Amino acid sequence: MRIQADVATLDILGHLIIWFMLSIITVGIALFFFPYSFSKFIINRSVVIDDQGVSRQMSCNTDIFGSIGHVILWIIISIITFGLGYVFYFYKVWNYSLNHTTIG
């Protein structure tokens, strides 16, 4: 069994431009929501391929509103640690996103 991601360069560029603009408009607040969007962006473009070659689409079932408590907690942690907590936050978001992913 293996995982294959199909992420096009133009999709990546568009995603980065949108989040760059959002981070400028929100004076950096959007960067706390970016890891959710990033993980969902990759996971939703990935498939699991079993040994017989059958592929199944992965689907990340997270949304911004369902994660708002998690975001607020990590904003506080990042402020208290002068930004060092954000590095750990990025890993925790991937953990959260993978735990809310289904394979169909």
PDB file of N, CA and C in Angstrom:
ATOM      1  N   MET A   1       0.841  -1.164   0.000  1.00  0.00           N
ATOM      2  CA  MET A   1       0.000   0.000   0.000  1.00  0.00           C
ATOM      3  C   MET A   1       0.899   1.244   0.000  1.00  0.00           C
ATOM      4  N   ARG A   2       0.500   2.255  -0.770  1.00  0.00           N
ATOM      5  CA  ARG A   2       1.268   3.488  -0.816  1.00  0.00           C
ATOM      6  C   ARG A   2       0.346   4.677  -1.012  1.00  0.00           C
ATOM      7  N   ILE A   3       0.864   5.838  -0.733  1.00  0.00           N
ATOM      8  CA  ILE A   3       0.109   7.081  -0.913  1.00  0.00           C
ATOM      9  C   ILE A   3       0.744   7.859  -2.052  1.00  0.00           C
ATOM     10  N   GLN A   4      -0.102   8.374  -2.930  1.00  0.00           N
ATOM     11  CA  GLN A   4       0.390   9.171  -4.051  1.00  0.00           C
ATOM     12  C   GLN A   4      -0.346  10.504  -4.052  1.00  0.00           C
ATOM     13  N   ALA A   5       0.407  11.579  -4.036  1.00  0.00           N
ATOM     14  CA  ALA A   5      -0.170  12.923  -4.087  1.00  0.00           C
ATOM     15  C   ALA A   5      -0.049  13.460  -5.501  1.00  0.00           C
ATOM     16  N   ASP A   6      -1.098  14.107  -5.970  1.00  0.00           N
ATOM     17  CA  ASP A   6      -1.112  14.708  -7.297  1.00  0.00           C
ATOM     18  C   ASP A   6      -1.363  16.202  -7.119  1.00  0.00           C
ATOM     19  N   VAL A   7      -0.272  16.938  -6.893  1.00  0.00           N
ATOM     20  CA  VAL A   7      -0.368  18.367  -6.642  1.00  0.00           C
ATOM     21  C   VAL A   7       0.355  19.101  -7.766  1.00  0.00           C
ATOM     22  N   ALA A   8      -0.403  19.853  -8.530  1.00  0.00           N
ATOM     23  CA  ALA A   8       0.171  20.580  -9.669  1.00  0.00           C
ATOM     24  C   ALA A   8       0.862  21.861  -9.202  1.00  0.00           C
ATOM     25  N   THR A   9       1.879  22.253  -9.918  1.00  0.00           N
ATOM     26  CA  THR A   9       2.646  23.448  -9.572  1.00  0.00           C
ATOM     27  C   THR A   9       1.773  24.697  -9.590  1.00  0.00           C
ATOM     28  N   LEU A  10       0.886  24.819 -10.556  1.00  0.00           N
ATOM     29  CA  LEU A  10       0.006  25.988 -10.617  1.00  0.00           C
ATOM     30  C   LEU A  10      -0.982  26.011  -9.448  1.00  0.00           C
ATOM     31  N   ASP A  11      -1.429  24.837  -9.010  1.00  0.00           N
ATOM     32  CA  ASP A  11      -2.297  24.771  -7.828  1.00  0.00           C
ATOM     33  C   ASP A  11      -1.551  25.281  -6.596  1.00  0.00           C
ATOM     34  N   ILE A  12      -0.298  24.871  -6.461  1.00  0.00           N
ATOM     35  CA  ILE A  12       0.524  25.307  -5.330  1.00  0.00           C
ATOM     36  C   ILE A  12       0.711  26.823  -5.379  1.00  0.00           C
ATOM     37  N   LEU A  13       1.046  27.335  -6.536  1.00  0.00           N
ATOM     38  CA  LEU A  13       1.263  28.768  -6.697  1.00  0.00           C
ATOM     39  C   LEU A  13       0.006  29.561  -6.343  1.00  0.00           C
ATOM     40  N   GLY A  14      -1.130  29.117  -6.829  1.00  0.00           N
ATOM     41  CA  GLY A  14      -2.391  29.787  -6.509  1.00  0.00           C
ATOM     42  C   GLY A  14      -2.690  29.752  -5.025  1.00  0.00           C
ATOM     43  N   HIS A  15      -2.462  28.612  -4.403  1.00  0.00           N
ATOM     44  CA  HIS A  15      -2.702  28.455  -2.964  1.00  0.00           C
ATOM     45  C   HIS A  15      -1.792  29.393  -2.169  1.00  0.00           C
ATOM     46  N   LEU A  16      -0.524  29.452  -2.551  1.00  0.00           N
ATOM     47  CA  LEU A  16       0.419  30.325  -1.854  1.00  0.00           C
ATOM     48  C   LEU A  16       0.082  31.801  -2.026  1.00  0.00           C
ATOM     49  N   ILE A  17      -0.316  32.192  -3.225  1.00  0.00           N
ATOM     50  CA  ILE A  17      -0.673  33.594  -3.467  1.00  0.00           C
ATOM     51  C   ILE A  17      -1.870  33.995  -2.628  1.00  0.00           C
ATOM     52  N   ILE A  18      -2.883  33.143  -2.583  1.00  0.00           N
ATOM     53  CA  ILE A  18      -4.074  33.440  -1.782  1.00  0.00           C
ATOM     54  C   ILE A  18      -3.698  33.625  -0.311  1.00  0.00           C
ATOM     55  N   TRP A  19      -2.901  32.697   0.223  1.00  0.00           N
ATOM     56  CA  TRP A  19      -2.554  32.779   1.644  1.00  0.00           C
ATOM     57  C   TRP A  19      -1.574  33.911   1.931  1.00  0.00           C
ATOM     58  N   PHE A  20      -0.732  34.261   0.988  1.00  0.00           N
ATOM     59  CA  PHE A  20       0.153  35.410   1.165  1.00  0.00           C
ATOM     60  C   PHE A  20      -0.672  36.688   1.268  1.00  0.00           C
ATOM     61  N   MET A  21      -1.648  36.828   0.382  1.00  0.00           N
ATOM     62  CA  MET A  21      -2.517  38.007   0.403  1.00  0.00           C
ATOM     63  C   MET A  21      -3.348  38.048   1.698  1.00  0.00           C
ATOM     64  N   LEU A  22      -3.867  36.887   2.099  1.00  0.00           N
ATOM     65  CA  LEU A  22      -4.644  36.843   3.343  1.00  0.00           C
ATOM     66  C   LEU A  22      -3.785  37.206   4.549  1.00  0.00           C
ATOM     67  N   SER A  23      -2.542  36.767   4.557  1.00  0.00           N
ATOM     68  CA  SER A  23      -1.679  37.083   5.698  1.00  0.00           C
ATOM     69  C   SER A  23      -1.343  38.571   5.737  1.00  0.00           C
ATOM     70  N   ILE A  24      -1.212  39.203   4.591  1.00  0.00           N
ATOM     71  CA  ILE A  24      -0.968  40.648   4.556  1.00  0.00           C
ATOM     72  C   ILE A  24      -2.209  41.403   5.018  1.00  0.00           C
ATOM     73  N   ILE A  25      -3.376  41.016   4.496  1.00  0.00           N
ATOM     74  CA  ILE A  25      -4.625  41.700   4.834  1.00  0.00           C
ATOM     75  C   ILE A  25      -4.948  41.571   6.321  1.00  0.00           C
ATOM     76  N   THR A  26      -4.671  40.408   6.903  1.00  0.00           N
ATOM     77  CA  THR A  26      -5.018  40.166   8.311  1.00  0.00           C
ATOM     78  C   THR A  26      -3.846  40.416   9.252  1.00  0.00           C
ATOM     79  N   VAL A  27      -2.773  40.994   8.758  1.00  0.00           N
ATOM     80  CA  VAL A  27      -1.582  41.304   9.544  1.00  0.00           C
ATOM     81  C   VAL A  27      -1.051  40.049  10.253  1.00  0.00           C
ATOM     82  N   GLY A  28      -1.034  38.952   9.544  1.00  0.00           N
ATOM     83  CA  GLY A  28      -0.443  37.716  10.046  1.00  0.00           C
ATOM     84  C   GLY A  28      -1.386  36.755  10.746  1.00  0.00           C
ATOM     85  N   ILE A  29      -2.583  37.182  11.085  1.00  0.00           N
ATOM     86  CA  ILE A  29      -3.527  36.298  11.784  1.00  0.00           C
ATOM     87  C   ILE A  29      -3.873  35.080  10.919  1.00  0.00           C
ATOM     88  N   ALA A  30      -3.951  35.266   9.616  1.00  0.00           N
ATOM     89  CA  ALA A  30      -4.292  34.155   8.716  1.00  0.00           C
ATOM     90  C   ALA A  30      -3.266  33.037   8.771  1.00  0.00           C
ATOM     91  N   LEU A  31      -2.049  33.344   9.201  1.00  0.00           N
ATOM     92  CA  LEU A  31      -1.016  32.307   9.263  1.00  0.00           C
ATOM     93  C   LEU A  31      -1.350  31.220  10.276  1.00  0.00           C
ATOM     94  N   PHE A  32      -2.241  31.498  11.218  1.00  0.00           N
ATOM     95  CA  PHE A  32      -2.668  30.460  12.154  1.00  0.00           C
ATOM     96  C   PHE A  32      -3.688  29.517  11.519  1.00  0.00           C
ATOM     97  N   PHE A  33      -4.321  29.948  10.446  1.00  0.00           N
ATOM     98  CA  PHE A  33      -5.271  29.102   9.730  1.00  0.00           C
ATOM     99  C   PHE A  33      -4.624  28.401   8.545  1.00  0.00           C
ATOM    100  N   PHE A  34      -3.480  28.913   8.097  1.00  0.00           N
ATOM    101  CA  PHE A  34      -2.781  28.348   6.947  1.00  0.00           C
ATOM    102  C   PHE A  34      -2.436  26.869   7.101  1.00  0.00           C
ATOM    103  N   PRO A  35      -1.915  26.401   8.243  1.00  0.00           N
ATOM    104  CA  PRO A  35      -1.568  24.979   8.341  1.00  0.00           C
ATOM    105  C   PRO A  35      -2.758  24.039   8.094  1.00  0.00           C
ATOM    106  N   TYR A  36      -3.959  24.444   8.511  1.00  0.00           N
ATOM    107  CA  TYR A  36      -5.149  23.625   8.243  1.00  0.00           C
ATOM    108  C   TYR A  36      -5.402  23.561   6.741  1.00  0.00           C
ATOM    109  N   SER A  37      -5.333  24.710   6.101  1.00  0.00           N
ATOM    110  CA  SER A  37      -5.556  24.756   4.657  1.00  0.00           C
ATOM    111  C   SER A  37      -4.477  23.984   3.912  1.00  0.00           C
ATOM    112  N   PHE A  38      -3.233  24.112   4.357  1.00  0.00           N
ATOM    113  CA  PHE A  38      -2.117  23.420   3.722  1.00  0.00           C
ATOM    114  C   PHE A  38      -2.277  21.907   3.815  1.00  0.00           C
ATOM    115  N   SER A  39      -2.560  21.406   5.011  1.00  0.00           N
ATOM    116  CA  SER A  39      -2.693  19.951   5.176  1.00  0.00           C
ATOM    117  C   SER A  39      -3.897  19.428   4.395  1.00  0.00           C
ATOM    118  N   LYS A  40      -5.000  20.169   4.436  1.00  0.00           N
ATOM    119  CA  LYS A  40      -6.188  19.747   3.684  1.00  0.00           C
ATOM    120  C   LYS A  40      -5.916  19.783   2.182  1.00  0.00           C
ATOM    121  N   PHE A  41      -5.174  20.785   1.729  1.00  0.00           N
ATOM    122  CA  PHE A  41      -4.809  20.936   0.323  1.00  0.00           C
ATOM    123  C   PHE A  41      -4.055  19.705  -0.173  1.00  0.00           C
ATOM    124  N   ILE A  42      -3.082  19.238   0.598  1.00  0.00           N
ATOM    125  CA  ILE A  42      -2.286  18.069   0.201  1.00  0.00           C
ATOM    126  C   ILE A  42      -3.084  16.776   0.340  1.00  0.00           C
ATOM    127  N   ILE A  43      -3.738  16.594   1.476  1.00  0.00           N
ATOM    128  CA  ILE A  43      -4.467  15.344   1.726  1.00  0.00           C
ATOM    129  C   ILE A  43      -5.575  15.131   0.707  1.00  0.00           C
ATOM    130  N   ASN A  44      -6.324  16.172   0.375  1.00  0.00           N
ATOM    131  CA  ASN A  44      -7.440  16.028  -0.566  1.00  0.00           C
ATOM    132  C   ASN A  44      -6.980  15.770  -2.002  1.00  0.00           C
ATOM    133  N   ARG A  45      -5.706  15.944  -2.269  1.00  0.00           N
ATOM    134  CA  ARG A  45      -5.153  15.643  -3.599  1.00  0.00           C
ATOM    135  C   ARG A  45      -4.338  14.354  -3.584  1.00  0.00           C
ATOM    136  N   SER A  46      -4.558  13.536  -2.571  1.00  0.00           N
ATOM    137  CA  SER A  46      -3.807  12.291  -2.418  1.00  0.00           C
ATOM    138  C   SER A  46      -4.725  11.086  -2.505  1.00  0.00           C
ATOM    139  N   VAL A  47      -4.159   9.987  -2.967  1.00  0.00           N
ATOM    140  CA  VAL A  47      -4.888   8.718  -3.030  1.00  0.00           C
ATOM    141  C   VAL A  47      -4.044   7.631  -2.383  1.00  0.00           C
ATOM    142  N   VAL A  48      -4.729   6.646  -1.831  1.00  0.00           N
ATOM    143  CA  VAL A  48      -4.068   5.456  -1.305  1.00  0.00           C
ATOM    144  C   VAL A  48      -4.210   4.373  -2.357  1.00  0.00           C
ATOM    145  N   ILE A  49      -3.097   3.773  -2.740  1.00  0.00           N
ATOM    146  CA  ILE A  49      -3.111   2.722  -3.765  1.00  0.00           C
ATOM    147  C   ILE A  49      -2.720   1.415  -3.081  1.00  0.00           C
ATOM    148  N   ASP A  50      -3.620   0.433  -3.149  1.00  0.00           N
ATOM    149  CA  ASP A  50      -3.322  -0.851  -2.498  1.00  0.00           C
ATOM    150  C   ASP A  50      -2.466  -1.734  -3.405  1.00  0.00           C
ATOM    151  N   ASP A  51      -2.163  -2.937  -2.934  1.00  0.00           N
ATOM    152  CA  ASP A  51      -1.268  -3.846  -3.665  1.00  0.00           C
ATOM    153  C   ASP A  51      -1.837  -4.311  -5.006  1.00  0.00           C
ATOM    154  N   GLN A  52      -3.168  -4.280  -5.158  1.00  0.00           N
ATOM    155  CA  GLN A  52      -3.799  -4.674  -6.423  1.00  0.00           C
ATOM    156  C   GLN A  52      -3.923  -3.498  -7.402  1.00  0.00           C
ATOM    157  N   GLY A  53      -3.476  -2.309  -6.995  1.00  0.00           N
ATOM    158  CA  GLY A  53      -3.538  -1.143  -7.861  1.00  0.00           C
ATOM    159  C   GLY A  53      -4.818  -0.348  -7.751  1.00  0.00           C
ATOM    160  N   VAL A  54      -5.688  -0.722  -6.810  1.00  0.00           N
ATOM    161  CA  VAL A  54      -6.938   0.019  -6.613  1.00  0.00           C
ATOM    162  C   VAL A  54      -6.623   1.283  -5.813  1.00  0.00           C
ATOM    163  N   SER A  55      -7.066   2.411  -6.327  1.00  0.00           N
ATOM    164  CA  SER A  55      -6.796   3.669  -5.630  1.00  0.00           C
ATOM    165  C   SER A  55      -8.057   4.169  -4.943  1.00  0.00           C
ATOM    166  N   ARG A  56      -7.862   4.729  -3.761  1.00  0.00           N
ATOM    167  CA  ARG A  56      -8.961   5.295  -2.976  1.00  0.00           C
ATOM    168  C   ARG A  56      -8.588   6.715  -2.591  1.00  0.00           C
ATOM    169  N   GLN A  57      -9.509   7.618  -2.804  1.00  0.00           N
ATOM    170  CA  GLN A  57      -9.296   9.037  -2.531  1.00  0.00           C
ATOM    171  C   GLN A  57      -9.266   9.304  -1.024  1.00  0.00           C
ATOM    172  N   MET A  58      -8.323  10.134  -0.604  1.00  0.00           N
ATOM    173  CA  MET A  58      -8.273  10.578   0.780  1.00  0.00           C
ATOM    174  C   MET A  58      -9.071  11.870   0.898  1.00  0.00           C
ATOM    175  N   SER A  59      -9.757  12.047   2.030  1.00  0.00           N
ATOM    176  CA  SER A  59     -10.570  13.232   2.238  1.00  0.00           C
ATOM    177  C   SER A  59     -10.368  13.750   3.655  1.00  0.00           C
ATOM    178  N   CYS A  60      -9.850  14.957   3.775  1.00  0.00           N
ATOM    179  CA  CYS A  60      -9.624  15.588   5.070  1.00  0.00           C
ATOM    180  C   CYS A  60     -10.900  16.323   5.475  1.00  0.00           C
ATOM    181  N   ASN A  61     -11.444  15.973   6.620  1.00  0.00           N
ATOM    182  CA  ASN A  61     -12.729  16.511   7.067  1.00  0.00           C
ATOM    183  C   ASN A  61     -12.560  17.561   8.156  1.00  0.00           C
ATOM    184  N   THR A  62     -11.672  18.509   7.925  1.00  0.00           N
ATOM    185  CA  THR A  62     -11.514  19.613   8.870  1.00  0.00           C
ATOM    186  C   THR A  62     -12.077  20.874   8.252  1.00  0.00           C
ATOM    187  N   ASP A  63     -12.488  21.797   9.099  1.00  0.00           N
ATOM    188  CA  ASP A  63     -12.902  23.107   8.633  1.00  0.00           C
ATOM    189  C   ASP A  63     -12.435  24.150   9.639  1.00  0.00           C
ATOM    190  N   ILE A  64     -12.431  25.372   9.230  1.00  0.00           N
ATOM    191  CA  ILE A  64     -11.920  26.450  10.071  1.00  0.00           C
ATOM    192  C   ILE A  64     -12.756  26.601  11.337  1.00  0.00           C
ATOM    193  N   PHE A  65     -14.070  26.509  11.211  1.00  0.00           N
ATOM    194  CA  PHE A  65     -14.935  26.746  12.357  1.00  0.00           C
ATOM    195  C   PHE A  65     -14.878  25.611  13.370  1.00  0.00           C
ATOM    196  N   GLY A  66     -14.637  24.392  12.918  1.00  0.00           N
ATOM    197  CA  GLY A  66     -14.506  23.270  13.826  1.00  0.00           C
ATOM    198  C   GLY A  66     -13.186  23.269  14.571  1.00  0.00           C
ATOM    199  N   SER A  67     -12.229  24.020  14.073  1.00  0.00           N
ATOM    200  CA  SER A  67     -10.889  24.050  14.649  1.00  0.00           C
ATOM    201  C   SER A  67     -10.586  25.343  15.393  1.00  0.00           C
ATOM    202  N   ILE A  68     -11.570  26.204  15.568  1.00  0.00           N
ATOM    203  CA  ILE A  68     -11.319  27.534  16.118  1.00  0.00           C
ATOM    204  C   ILE A  68     -10.748  27.476  17.541  1.00  0.00           C
ATOM    205  N   GLY A  69     -11.193  26.520  18.356  1.00  0.00           N
ATOM    206  CA  GLY A  69     -10.655  26.383  19.704  1.00  0.00           C
ATOM    207  C   GLY A  69      -9.184  26.007  19.676  1.00  0.00           C
ATOM    208  N   HIS A  70      -8.840  25.118  18.765  1.00  0.00           N
ATOM    209  CA  HIS A  70      -7.459  24.687  18.572  1.00  0.00           C
ATOM    210  C   HIS A  70      -6.607  25.872  18.124  1.00  0.00           C
ATOM    211  N   VAL A  71      -7.120  26.672  17.224  1.00  0.00           N
ATOM    212  CA  VAL A  71      -6.394  27.844  16.715  1.00  0.00           C
ATOM    213  C   VAL A  71      -6.151  28.844  17.837  1.00  0.00           C
ATOM    214  N   ILE A  72      -7.191  29.139  18.615  1.00  0.00           N
ATOM    215  CA  ILE A  72      -7.055  30.118  19.703  1.00  0.00           C
ATOM    216  C   ILE A  72      -6.026  29.651  20.730  1.00  0.00           C
ATOM    217  N   LEU A  73      -6.079  28.372  21.100  1.00  0.00           N
ATOM    218  CA  LEU A  73      -5.115  27.824  22.047  1.00  0.00           C
ATOM    219  C   LEU A  73      -3.688  28.010  21.542  1.00  0.00           C
ATOM    220  N   TRP A  74      -3.442  27.709  20.279  1.00  0.00           N
ATOM    221  CA  TRP A  74      -2.084  27.799  19.737  1.00  0.00           C
ATOM    222  C   TRP A  74      -1.662  29.238  19.467  1.00  0.00           C
ATOM    223  N   ILE A  75      -2.600  30.136  19.257  1.00  0.00           N
ATOM    224  CA  ILE A  75      -2.244  31.560  19.173  1.00  0.00           C
ATOM    225  C   ILE A  75      -1.688  32.009  20.515  1.00  0.00           C
ATOM    226  N   ILE A  76      -2.368  31.624  21.575  1.00  0.00           N
ATOM    227  CA  ILE A  76      -1.909  31.986  22.923  1.00  0.00           C
ATOM    228  C   ILE A  76      -0.535  31.372  23.207  1.00  0.00           C
ATOM    229  N   ILE A  77      -0.380  30.093  22.894  1.00  0.00           N
ATOM    230  CA  ILE A  77       0.909  29.434  23.112  1.00  0.00           C
ATOM    231  C   ILE A  77       2.009  30.108  22.297  1.00  0.00           C
ATOM    232  N   SER A  78       1.717  30.464  21.062  1.00  0.00           N
ATOM    233  CA  SER A  78       2.718  31.113  20.210  1.00  0.00           C
ATOM    234  C   SER A  78       3.097  32.492  20.746  1.00  0.00           C
ATOM    235  N   ILE A  79       2.134  33.215  21.273  1.00  0.00           N
ATOM    236  CA  ILE A  79       2.432  34.537  21.840  1.00  0.00           C
ATOM    237  C   ILE A  79       3.301  34.390  23.091  1.00  0.00           C
ATOM    238  N   ILE A  80       2.922  33.453  23.961  1.00  0.00           N
ATOM    239  CA  ILE A  80       3.675  33.246  25.201  1.00  0.00           C
ATOM    240  C   ILE A  80       5.111  32.813  24.916  1.00  0.00           C
ATOM    241  N   THR A  81       5.301  31.996  23.877  1.00  0.00           N
ATOM    242  CA  THR A  81       6.649  31.483  23.555  1.00  0.00           C
ATOM    243  C   THR A  81       7.368  32.340  22.511  1.00  0.00           C
ATOM    244  N   PHE A  82       6.854  33.531  22.260  1.00  0.00           N
ATOM    245  CA  PHE A  82       7.453  34.456  21.289  1.00  0.00           C
ATOM    246  C   PHE A  82       7.621  33.824  19.909  1.00  0.00           C
ATOM    247  N   GLY A  83       6.641  33.054  19.492  1.00  0.00           N
ATOM    248  CA  GLY A  83       6.616  32.470  18.153  1.00  0.00           C
ATOM    249  C   GLY A  83       7.166  31.064  18.045  1.00  0.00           C
ATOM    250  N   LEU A  84       7.867  30.587  19.044  1.00  0.00           N
ATOM    251  CA  LEU A  84       8.430  29.237  18.967  1.00  0.00           C
ATOM    252  C   LEU A  84       7.346  28.157  18.968  1.00  0.00           C
ATOM    253  N   GLY A  85       6.226  28.437  19.600  1.00  0.00           N
ATOM    254  CA  GLY A  85       5.127  27.470  19.646  1.00  0.00           C
ATOM    255  C   GLY A  85       4.525  27.200  18.281  1.00  0.00           C
ATOM    256  N   TYR A  86       4.687  28.147  17.359  1.00  0.00           N
ATOM    257  CA  TYR A  86       4.104  27.969  16.017  1.00  0.00           C
ATOM    258  C   TYR A  86       4.689  26.760  15.302  1.00  0.00           C
ATOM    259  N   VAL A  87       5.962  26.485  15.524  1.00  0.00           N
ATOM    260  CA  VAL A  87       6.604  25.324  14.889  1.00  0.00           C
ATOM    261  C   VAL A  87       5.911  24.042  15.349  1.00  0.00           C
ATOM    262  N   PHE A  88       5.642  23.936  16.649  1.00  0.00           N
ATOM    263  CA  PHE A  88       4.950  22.770  17.186  1.00  0.00           C
ATOM    264  C   PHE A  88       3.499  22.731  16.703  1.00  0.00           C
ATOM    265  N   TYR A  89       2.911  23.912  16.581  1.00  0.00           N
ATOM    266  CA  TYR A  89       1.531  24.037  16.101  1.00  0.00           C
ATOM    267  C   TYR A  89       1.380  23.413  14.718  1.00  0.00           C
ATOM    268  N   PHE A  90       2.338  23.658  13.835  1.00  0.00           N
ATOM    269  CA  PHE A  90       2.276  23.123  12.481  1.00  0.00           C
ATOM    270  C   PHE A  90       2.222  21.593  12.506  1.00  0.00           C
ATOM    271  N   TYR A  91       3.027  20.975  13.359  1.00  0.00           N
ATOM    272  CA  TYR A  91       3.012  19.513  13.499  1.00  0.00           C
ATOM    273  C   TYR A  91       1.696  19.022  14.094  1.00  0.00           C
ATOM    274  N   LYS A  92       1.173  19.737  15.085  1.00  0.00           N
ATOM    275  CA  LYS A  92      -0.076  19.332  15.724  1.00  0.00           C
ATOM    276  C   LYS A  92      -1.251  19.445  14.747  1.00  0.00           C
ATOM    277  N   VAL A  93      -1.204  20.419  13.864  1.00  0.00           N
ATOM    278  CA  VAL A  93      -2.263  20.551  12.858  1.00  0.00           C
ATOM    279  C   VAL A  93      -2.235  19.360  11.916  1.00  0.00           C
ATOM    280  N   TRP A  94      -1.045  18.926  11.498  1.00  0.00           N
ATOM    281  CA  TRP A  94      -0.958  17.742  10.642  1.00  0.00           C
ATOM    282  C   TRP A  94      -1.502  16.522  11.371  1.00  0.00           C
ATOM    283  N   ASN A  95      -1.180  16.393  12.642  1.00  0.00           N
ATOM    284  CA  ASN A  95      -1.700  15.294  13.453  1.00  0.00           C
ATOM    285  C   ASN A  95      -3.223  15.361  13.489  1.00  0.00           C
ATOM    286  N   TYR A  96      -3.759  16.541  13.756  1.00  0.00           N
ATOM    287  CA  TYR A  96      -5.206  16.754  13.812  1.00  0.00           C
ATOM    288  C   TYR A  96      -5.852  16.440  12.459  1.00  0.00           C
ATOM    289  N   SER A  97      -5.249  16.923  11.386  1.00  0.00           N
ATOM    290  CA  SER A  97      -5.805  16.723  10.053  1.00  0.00           C
ATOM    291  C   SER A  97      -5.796  15.251   9.637  1.00  0.00           C
ATOM    292  N   LEU A  98      -4.711  14.559   9.916  1.00  0.00           N
ATOM    293  CA  LEU A  98      -4.647  13.137   9.575  1.00  0.00           C
ATOM    294  C   LEU A  98      -5.643  12.315  10.395  1.00  0.00           C
ATOM    295  N   ASN A  99      -5.871  12.729  11.640  1.00  0.00           N
ATOM    296  CA  ASN A  99      -6.858  12.030  12.477  1.00  0.00           C
ATOM    297  C   ASN A  99      -8.289  12.293  12.010  1.00  0.00           C
ATOM    298  N   HIS A 100      -8.480  13.321  11.199  1.00  0.00           N
ATOM    299  CA  HIS A 100      -9.799  13.627  10.650  1.00  0.00           C
ATOM    300  C   HIS A 100      -9.861  13.380   9.143  1.00  0.00           C
ATOM    301  N   THR A 101      -9.091  12.403   8.694  1.00  0.00           N
ATOM    302  CA  THR A 101      -9.065  12.045   7.273  1.00  0.00           C
ATOM    303  C   THR A 101      -9.699  10.671   7.078  1.00  0.00           C
ATOM    304  N   THR A 102     -10.505  10.580   6.034  1.00  0.00           N
ATOM    305  CA  THR A 102     -11.106   9.303   5.674  1.00  0.00           C
ATOM    306  C   THR A 102     -10.608   8.887   4.298  1.00  0.00           C
ATOM    307  N   ILE A 103     -10.699   7.592   4.047  1.00  0.00           N
ATOM    308  CA  ILE A 103     -10.313   7.052   2.747  1.00  0.00           C
ATOM    309  C   ILE A 103     -11.548   6.412   2.147  1.00  0.00           C
ATOM    310  N   GLY A 104     -11.923   6.898   0.980  1.00  0.00           N
ATOM    311  CA  GLY A 104     -13.166   6.416   0.378  1.00  0.00           C
ATOM    312  C   GLY A 104     -13.027   5.674  -0.885  1.00  0.00           C
TER     313      GLY A 104
END
